[in-house]
């Protein structure tokens, strides 16, 4: 790993996994230098003094125009972006409820927004999103089964 100044510390990011009534996951395709052409959940930086829930609600509204609720922390990942020299600790949250119709609110950062079946996630995924699913968390569908045994396998 490349050497970085000692005063450079990881930042805290937060991603919000939003599910619809079909257990489909909302993802946005990023554009720009950081994670260009990768798919990720709505999210961003945790601000000073902000709770995880406040951050999730703010970021979901800012990026997708959805008002989310029924939020739960579902994971934490350690995400190193070698090319950009960035390091994030990312809090992953799941929103079981939302109001509104998803739309791109920040076209300068994202160029697509779509619902995806949990067993047909797009590629490539943003590093923090890929790390989350690679960690084999409990499946977001609510089955209480690990993702790789539940939704990651193709349905027959």
C-alpha atoms as a PDB file:
ATOM      1  CA  UNK A   1       0.000   0.000   0.000  1.00  0.00           C
ATOM      2  CA  UNK A   2       1.230   3.491  -0.839  1.00  0.00           C
ATOM      3  CA  UNK A   3       2.519   5.661   1.988  1.00  0.00           C
ATOM      4  CA  UNK A   4       0.320   8.580   2.981  1.00  0.00           C
ATOM      5  CA  UNK A   5       0.951  11.364   5.479  1.00  0.00           C
ATOM      6  CA  UNK A   6       0.348  10.353   9.109  1.00  0.00           C
ATOM      7  CA  UNK A   7      -2.267  13.076   9.520  1.00  0.00           C
ATOM      8  CA  UNK A   8      -4.408  11.506   6.783  1.00  0.00           C
ATOM      9  CA  UNK A   9      -7.163   9.588   8.547  1.00  0.00           C
ATOM     10  CA  UNK A  10     -10.054   7.474   7.287  1.00  0.00           C
ATOM     11  CA  UNK A  11     -13.332   9.269   6.668  1.00  0.00           C
ATOM     12  CA  UNK A  12     -16.730   7.905   7.665  1.00  0.00           C
ATOM     13  CA  UNK A  13     -19.135   7.136   4.862  1.00  0.00           C
ATOM     14  CA  UNK A  14     -22.663   5.761   5.008  1.00  0.00           C
ATOM     15  CA  UNK A  15     -24.657   3.823   2.429  1.00  0.00           C
ATOM     16  CA  UNK A  16     -28.430   3.266   2.553  1.00  0.00           C
ATOM     17  CA  UNK A  17     -29.746   0.013   1.092  1.00  0.00           C
ATOM     18  CA  UNK A  18     -33.357   0.741   0.126  1.00  0.00           C
ATOM     19  CA  UNK A  19     -35.665  -2.157  -0.703  1.00  0.00           C
ATOM     20  CA  UNK A  20     -38.987  -1.980  -2.488  1.00  0.00           C
ATOM     21  CA  UNK A  21     -41.959  -4.322  -1.939  1.00  0.00           C
ATOM     22  CA  UNK A  22     -40.421  -6.826  -4.405  1.00  0.00           C
ATOM     23  CA  UNK A  23     -37.186  -7.003  -2.356  1.00  0.00           C
ATOM     24  CA  UNK A  24     -35.381  -5.150  -5.123  1.00  0.00           C
ATOM     25  CA  UNK A  25     -32.454  -2.936  -4.206  1.00  0.00           C
ATOM     26  CA  UNK A  26     -32.113   0.679  -5.334  1.00  0.00           C
ATOM     27  CA  UNK A  27     -28.681   1.510  -6.770  1.00  0.00           C
ATOM     28  CA  UNK A  28     -27.194   4.541  -8.513  1.00  0.00           C
ATOM     29  CA  UNK A  29     -24.422   4.556 -11.122  1.00  0.00           C
ATOM     30  CA  UNK A  30     -21.667   6.963 -10.166  1.00  0.00           C
ATOM     31  CA  UNK A  31     -19.885   9.294 -12.530  1.00  0.00           C
ATOM     32  CA  UNK A  32     -16.798  11.390 -11.992  1.00  0.00           C
ATOM     33  CA  UNK A  33     -13.368  10.479 -10.672  1.00  0.00           C
ATOM     34  CA  UNK A  34     -14.314   8.675  -7.437  1.00  0.00           C
ATOM     35  CA  UNK A  35     -15.871   5.337  -8.370  1.00  0.00           C
ATOM     36  CA  UNK A  36     -16.868   6.306 -11.912  1.00  0.00           C
ATOM     37  CA  UNK A  37     -19.176   3.806 -13.672  1.00  0.00           C
ATOM     38  CA  UNK A  38     -19.764   1.739 -10.522  1.00  0.00           C
ATOM     39  CA  UNK A  39     -23.113   1.061  -8.841  1.00  0.00           C
ATOM     40  CA  UNK A  40     -23.780   1.993  -5.221  1.00  0.00           C
ATOM     41  CA  UNK A  41     -26.489   2.672  -2.691  1.00  0.00           C
ATOM     42  CA  UNK A  42     -27.408   6.284  -1.965  1.00  0.00           C
ATOM     43  CA  UNK A  43     -24.980   7.610   0.605  1.00  0.00           C
ATOM     44  CA  UNK A  44     -22.225   9.991   1.520  1.00  0.00           C
ATOM     45  CA  UNK A  45     -20.251  11.402   4.405  1.00  0.00           C
ATOM     46  CA  UNK A  46     -21.388  11.342   8.010  1.00  0.00           C
ATOM     47  CA  UNK A  47     -21.399  14.948   9.181  1.00  0.00           C
ATOM     48  CA  UNK A  48     -20.149  16.138  12.566  1.00  0.00           C
ATOM     49  CA  UNK A  49     -22.769  15.560  15.286  1.00  0.00           C
ATOM     50  CA  UNK A  50     -25.072  13.611  12.972  1.00  0.00           C
ATOM     51  CA  UNK A  51     -26.563  10.230  13.917  1.00  0.00           C
ATOM     52  CA  UNK A  52     -26.424   7.333  11.455  1.00  0.00           C
ATOM     53  CA  UNK A  53     -30.196   7.600  10.997  1.00  0.00           C
ATOM     54  CA  UNK A  54     -30.044  11.344  10.323  1.00  0.00           C
ATOM     55  CA  UNK A  55     -27.276  10.822   7.782  1.00  0.00           C
ATOM     56  CA  UNK A  56     -29.188   7.991   6.048  1.00  0.00           C
ATOM     57  CA  UNK A  57     -32.343  10.095   5.784  1.00  0.00           C
ATOM     58  CA  UNK A  58     -30.455  13.156   4.528  1.00  0.00           C
ATOM     59  CA  UNK A  59     -28.389  11.273   1.942  1.00  0.00           C
ATOM     60  CA  UNK A  60     -31.342   9.227   0.620  1.00  0.00           C
ATOM     61  CA  UNK A  61     -33.345  12.440   0.132  1.00  0.00           C
ATOM     62  CA  UNK A  62     -30.423  14.370  -1.398  1.00  0.00           C
ATOM     63  CA  UNK A  63     -29.506  11.620  -3.874  1.00  0.00           C
ATOM     64  CA  UNK A  64     -32.780   9.830  -4.705  1.00  0.00           C
ATOM     65  CA  UNK A  65     -35.560  12.124  -3.412  1.00  0.00           C
ATOM     66  CA  UNK A  66     -36.837   9.296  -1.184  1.00  0.00           C
ATOM     67  CA  UNK A  67     -37.882   9.744   2.437  1.00  0.00           C
ATOM     68  CA  UNK A  68     -36.642   6.570   4.162  1.00  0.00           C
ATOM     69  CA  UNK A  69     -37.660   4.992   7.447  1.00  0.00           C
ATOM     70  CA  UNK A  70     -37.423   1.747   9.422  1.00  0.00           C
ATOM     71  CA  UNK A  71     -33.610   2.023   9.350  1.00  0.00           C
ATOM     72  CA  UNK A  72     -31.203  -0.580  10.729  1.00  0.00           C
ATOM     73  CA  UNK A  73     -27.405  -0.784  10.736  1.00  0.00           C
ATOM     74  CA  UNK A  74     -26.570  -3.933   8.762  1.00  0.00           C
ATOM     75  CA  UNK A  75     -22.799  -3.749   8.400  1.00  0.00           C
ATOM     76  CA  UNK A  76     -19.507  -1.871   8.529  1.00  0.00           C
ATOM     77  CA  UNK A  77     -16.731  -2.121   5.955  1.00  0.00           C
ATOM     78  CA  UNK A  78     -13.128  -0.950   5.771  1.00  0.00           C
ATOM     79  CA  UNK A  79     -12.764   0.500   2.270  1.00  0.00           C
ATOM     80  CA  UNK A  80      -9.447   1.513   0.753  1.00  0.00           C
ATOM     81  CA  UNK A  81      -9.487   3.284  -2.600  1.00  0.00           C
ATOM     82  CA  UNK A  82      -5.872   2.756  -3.685  1.00  0.00           C
ATOM     83  CA  UNK A  83      -5.993   4.829  -6.884  1.00  0.00           C
ATOM     84  CA  UNK A  84      -7.528   7.858  -5.156  1.00  0.00           C
ATOM     85  CA  UNK A  85      -5.496   7.495  -1.956  1.00  0.00           C
ATOM     86  CA  UNK A  86      -8.729   7.447   0.080  1.00  0.00           C
ATOM     87  CA  UNK A  87      -9.719   5.325   3.058  1.00  0.00           C
ATOM     88  CA  UNK A  88     -13.265   5.061   4.375  1.00  0.00           C
ATOM     89  CA  UNK A  89     -15.036   3.259   7.157  1.00  0.00           C
ATOM     90  CA  UNK A  90     -18.512   2.768   5.702  1.00  0.00           C
ATOM     91  CA  UNK A  91     -21.641   2.223   7.784  1.00  0.00           C
ATOM     92  CA  UNK A  92     -24.242   0.222   5.854  1.00  0.00           C
ATOM     93  CA  UNK A  93     -27.889   0.739   6.729  1.00  0.00           C
ATOM     94  CA  UNK A  94     -31.038  -0.867   5.409  1.00  0.00           C
ATOM     95  CA  UNK A  95     -34.283   1.058   4.941  1.00  0.00           C
ATOM     96  CA  UNK A  96     -37.325  -1.204   4.901  1.00  0.00           C
ATOM     97  CA  UNK A  97     -39.652   1.703   4.242  1.00  0.00           C
ATOM     98  CA  UNK A  98     -39.647   4.708   1.956  1.00  0.00           C
ATOM     99  CA  UNK A  99     -41.949   7.303   0.433  1.00  0.00           C
ATOM    100  CA  UNK A 100     -41.646   8.853  -2.995  1.00  0.00           C
ATOM    101  CA  UNK A 101     -40.462   7.901  -6.451  1.00  0.00           C
ATOM    102  CA  UNK A 102     -36.716   7.512  -6.920  1.00  0.00           C
ATOM    103  CA  UNK A 103     -35.027   9.969  -9.222  1.00  0.00           C
ATOM    104  CA  UNK A 104     -31.538  11.308  -9.812  1.00  0.00           C
ATOM    105  CA  UNK A 105     -31.178  14.431  -7.699  1.00  0.00           C
ATOM    106  CA  UNK A 106     -27.455  15.027  -8.267  1.00  0.00           C
ATOM    107  CA  UNK A 107     -26.825  14.504 -11.991  1.00  0.00           C
ATOM    108  CA  UNK A 108     -23.292  15.766 -11.560  1.00  0.00           C
ATOM    109  CA  UNK A 109     -22.517  12.652  -9.455  1.00  0.00           C
ATOM    110  CA  UNK A 110     -24.847   9.956 -10.838  1.00  0.00           C
ATOM    111  CA  UNK A 111     -26.185   9.164 -14.300  1.00  0.00           C
ATOM    112  CA  UNK A 112     -28.565   6.254 -13.624  1.00  0.00           C
ATOM    113  CA  UNK A 113     -30.855   4.982 -10.872  1.00  0.00           C
ATOM    114  CA  UNK A 114     -32.526   1.554 -10.939  1.00  0.00           C
ATOM    115  CA  UNK A 115     -34.086  -1.211  -8.885  1.00  0.00           C
ATOM    116  CA  UNK A 116     -32.200  -4.527  -9.052  1.00  0.00           C
ATOM    117  CA  UNK A 117     -33.168  -8.036  -8.049  1.00  0.00           C
ATOM    118  CA  UNK A 118     -30.977  -9.135  -5.138  1.00  0.00           C
ATOM    119  CA  UNK A 119     -29.790 -12.126  -7.188  1.00  0.00           C
ATOM    120  CA  UNK A 120     -28.923  -9.976 -10.226  1.00  0.00           C
ATOM    121  CA  UNK A 121     -26.885  -7.093  -8.867  1.00  0.00           C
ATOM    122  CA  UNK A 122     -25.053  -5.053 -11.509  1.00  0.00           C
ATOM    123  CA  UNK A 123     -21.306  -4.888 -11.997  1.00  0.00           C
ATOM    124  CA  UNK A 124     -19.049  -3.289 -11.245  1.00  0.00           C
ATOM    125  CA  UNK A 125     -20.133  -2.314  -7.744  1.00  0.00           C
ATOM    126  CA  UNK A 126     -18.589   0.626  -5.850  1.00  0.00           C
ATOM    127  CA  UNK A 127     -15.830  -0.643  -3.525  1.00  0.00           C
ATOM    128  CA  UNK A 128     -17.829  -0.170  -0.303  1.00  0.00           C
ATOM    129  CA  UNK A 129     -20.894  -1.869  -1.839  1.00  0.00           C
ATOM    130  CA  UNK A 130     -18.775  -4.759  -3.155  1.00  0.00           C
ATOM    131  CA  UNK A 131     -17.060  -5.127   0.230  1.00  0.00           C
ATOM    132  CA  UNK A 132     -20.444  -5.182   1.970  1.00  0.00           C
ATOM    133  CA  UNK A 133     -21.772  -8.038  -0.171  1.00  0.00           C
ATOM    134  CA  UNK A 134     -18.414  -9.872  -0.105  1.00  0.00           C
ATOM    135  CA  UNK A 135     -18.629  -9.889   3.719  1.00  0.00           C
ATOM    136  CA  UNK A 136     -21.643 -12.229   3.330  1.00  0.00           C
ATOM    137  CA  UNK A 137     -24.004 -10.308   5.629  1.00  0.00           C
ATOM    138  CA  UNK A 138     -27.467 -11.468   6.550  1.00  0.00           C
ATOM    139  CA  UNK A 139     -29.459 -11.065   3.371  1.00  0.00           C
ATOM    140  CA  UNK A 140     -31.251  -7.738   3.044  1.00  0.00           C
ATOM    141  CA  UNK A 141     -34.416  -9.579   1.951  1.00  0.00           C
ATOM    142  CA  UNK A 142     -35.159 -10.359   5.610  1.00  0.00           C
ATOM    143  CA  UNK A 143     -34.726 -14.140   5.362  1.00  0.00           C
ATOM    144  CA  UNK A 144     -32.187 -14.291   8.256  1.00  0.00           C
ATOM    145  CA  UNK A 145     -29.976 -16.312   5.882  1.00  0.00           C
ATOM    146  CA  UNK A 146     -26.538 -15.163   4.748  1.00  0.00           C
ATOM    147  CA  UNK A 147     -26.560 -13.323   1.420  1.00  0.00           C
ATOM    148  CA  UNK A 148     -24.421 -15.885  -0.444  1.00  0.00           C
ATOM    149  CA  UNK A 149     -26.812 -18.711   0.456  1.00  0.00           C
ATOM    150  CA  UNK A 150     -29.927 -16.696  -0.151  1.00  0.00           C
ATOM    151  CA  UNK A 151     -30.075 -14.077  -2.887  1.00  0.00           C
ATOM    152  CA  UNK A 152     -26.568 -14.286  -4.342  1.00  0.00           C
ATOM    153  CA  UNK A 153     -27.290 -17.596  -6.032  1.00  0.00           C
ATOM    154  CA  UNK A 154     -29.321 -17.558  -9.221  1.00  0.00           C
ATOM    155  CA  UNK A 155     -32.906 -18.726  -8.836  1.00  0.00           C
ATOM    156  CA  UNK A 156     -33.840 -21.850 -10.811  1.00  0.00           C
END
